[in-house]
Amino acid sequence: MSKEEMNSAIEKFLNDGGEVTQLMYADKKDVKKAQQAAYHLDKQYGSEKSKDVVERARTREDSMIFSRDERWKK
């Protein structure tokens, strides 16, 4: 894909309502937290402990004023 094609694809994406967000660096703590969340999401149907962890995370997220996506935007 040429630079011109990429720029036109980006322009089309933005014109169709797309939004560009800034990516943030994930340190070891962020990676470990994401791995644990993915593990519990995968195991939630067979493990009561994982089900509780997922439910607590969902409750905590619902109580936040801004969504996770809005908090990560700059």
C-alpha atoms as a PDB file:
ATOM      1  CA  MET A   1       0.000   0.000   0.000  1.00  0.00           C
ATOM      2  CA  SER A   2       1.457   3.320  -1.038  1.00  0.00           C
ATOM      3  CA  LYS A   3       1.488   6.363   1.198  1.00  0.00           C
ATOM      4  CA  GLU A   4      -1.130   8.039  -0.988  1.00  0.00           C
ATOM      5  CA  GLU A   5      -3.465   5.028  -0.728  1.00  0.00           C
ATOM      6  CA  MET A   6      -2.964   4.913   3.038  1.00  0.00           C
ATOM      7  CA  ASN A   7      -3.753   8.612   3.393  1.00  0.00           C
ATOM      8  CA  SER A   8      -6.922   8.249   1.330  1.00  0.00           C
ATOM      9  CA  ALA A   9      -7.999   5.216   3.408  1.00  0.00           C
ATOM     10  CA  ILE A  10      -7.415   7.179   6.615  1.00  0.00           C
ATOM     11  CA  GLU A  11      -9.345  10.153   5.232  1.00  0.00           C
ATOM     12  CA  LYS A  12     -12.262   7.883   4.266  1.00  0.00           C
ATOM     13  CA  PHE A  13     -12.219   6.305   7.755  1.00  0.00           C
ATOM     14  CA  LEU A  14     -12.356   9.728   9.428  1.00  0.00           C
ATOM     15  CA  ASN A  15     -15.091  10.972   7.077  1.00  0.00           C
ATOM     16  CA  ASP A  16     -17.215   7.894   7.845  1.00  0.00           C
ATOM     17  CA  GLY A  17     -17.194   8.731  11.563  1.00  0.00           C
ATOM     18  CA  GLY A  18     -14.003   6.939  12.565  1.00  0.00           C
ATOM     19  CA  GLU A  19     -11.883   8.316  15.347  1.00  0.00           C
ATOM     20  CA  VAL A  20      -8.124   8.285  15.862  1.00  0.00           C
ATOM     21  CA  THR A  21      -6.907   7.664  19.384  1.00  0.00           C
ATOM     22  CA  GLN A  22      -3.426   7.824  20.784  1.00  0.00           C
ATOM     23  CA  LEU A  23      -1.897   4.535  21.826  1.00  0.00           C
ATOM     24  CA  MET A  24      -0.309   4.340  25.243  1.00  0.00           C
ATOM     25  CA  TYR A  25       2.722   2.305  26.283  1.00  0.00           C
ATOM     26  CA  ALA A  26       1.859  -0.812  28.294  1.00  0.00           C
ATOM     27  CA  ASP A  27       4.363  -1.606  31.022  1.00  0.00           C
ATOM     28  CA  LYS A  28       4.729  -4.994  32.740  1.00  0.00           C
ATOM     29  CA  LYS A  29       1.986  -4.192  35.243  1.00  0.00           C
ATOM     30  CA  ASP A  30      -0.513  -3.341  32.477  1.00  0.00           C
ATOM     31  CA  VAL A  31       0.349  -6.503  30.543  1.00  0.00           C
ATOM     32  CA  LYS A  32      -0.023  -8.707  33.632  1.00  0.00           C
ATOM     33  CA  LYS A  33      -3.370  -7.107  34.485  1.00  0.00           C
ATOM     34  CA  ALA A  34      -4.650  -7.700  30.946  1.00  0.00           C
ATOM     35  CA  GLN A  35      -3.462 -11.313  31.022  1.00  0.00           C
ATOM     36  CA  GLN A  36      -5.249 -11.938  34.321  1.00  0.00           C
ATOM     37  CA  ALA A  37      -8.451 -10.366  33.015  1.00  0.00           C
ATOM     38  CA  ALA A  38      -8.310 -12.503  29.858  1.00  0.00           C
ATOM     39  CA  TYR A  39      -7.702 -15.630  31.941  1.00  0.00           C
ATOM     40  CA  HIS A  40     -10.703 -14.965  34.169  1.00  0.00           C
ATOM     41  CA  LEU A  41     -12.930 -14.113  31.183  1.00  0.00           C
ATOM     42  CA  ASP A  42     -11.970 -17.445  29.648  1.00  0.00           C
ATOM     43  CA  LYS A  43     -12.535 -19.443  32.863  1.00  0.00           C
ATOM     44  CA  GLN A  44     -15.619 -17.643  34.211  1.00  0.00           C
ATOM     45  CA  TYR A  45     -18.078 -20.357  33.159  1.00  0.00           C
ATOM     46  CA  GLY A  46     -16.217 -23.190  34.893  1.00  0.00           C
ATOM     47  CA  SER A  47     -14.879 -21.454  37.978  1.00  0.00           C
ATOM     48  CA  GLU A  48     -16.830 -19.620  40.653  1.00  0.00           C
ATOM     49  CA  LYS A  49     -13.742 -17.589  41.621  1.00  0.00           C
ATOM     50  CA  SER A  50     -13.234 -16.375  38.043  1.00  0.00           C
ATOM     51  CA  LYS A  51     -16.919 -15.578  37.745  1.00  0.00           C
ATOM     52  CA  ASP A  52     -16.677 -13.417  40.886  1.00  0.00           C
ATOM     53  CA  VAL A  53     -13.563 -11.644  39.568  1.00  0.00           C
ATOM     54  CA  VAL A  54     -15.268 -10.830  36.258  1.00  0.00           C
ATOM     55  CA  GLU A  55     -18.414  -9.613  38.020  1.00  0.00           C
ATOM     56  CA  ARG A  56     -16.388  -7.346  40.371  1.00  0.00           C
ATOM     57  CA  ALA A  57     -14.513  -5.872  37.397  1.00  0.00           C
ATOM     58  CA  ARG A  58     -17.778  -5.272  35.546  1.00  0.00           C
ATOM     59  CA  THR A  59     -19.330  -3.617  38.611  1.00  0.00           C
ATOM     60  CA  ARG A  60     -16.240  -1.432  39.121  1.00  0.00           C
ATOM     61  CA  GLU A  61     -16.302  -0.371  35.459  1.00  0.00           C
ATOM     62  CA  ASP A  62     -20.039   0.423  35.613  1.00  0.00           C
ATOM     63  CA  SER A  63     -19.495   2.664  38.640  1.00  0.00           C
ATOM     64  CA  MET A  64     -16.951   4.838  36.817  1.00  0.00           C
ATOM     65  CA  ILE A  65     -18.066   8.231  35.527  1.00  0.00           C
ATOM     66  CA  PHE A  66     -16.226   7.827  32.210  1.00  0.00           C
ATOM     67  CA  SER A  67     -15.928   4.621  30.203  1.00  0.00           C
ATOM     68  CA  ARG A  68     -12.573   2.902  29.819  1.00  0.00           C
ATOM     69  CA  ASP A  69     -12.319   4.135  26.228  1.00  0.00           C
ATOM     70  CA  GLU A  70     -12.967   7.735  27.278  1.00  0.00           C
ATOM     71  CA  ARG A  71     -10.399   7.478  30.069  1.00  0.00           C
ATOM     72  CA  TRP A  72      -7.725   6.285  27.634  1.00  0.00           C
ATOM     73  CA  LYS A  73      -8.308   9.084  25.121  1.00  0.00           C
ATOM     74  CA  LYS A  74      -6.007  12.041  25.102  1.00  0.00           C
END
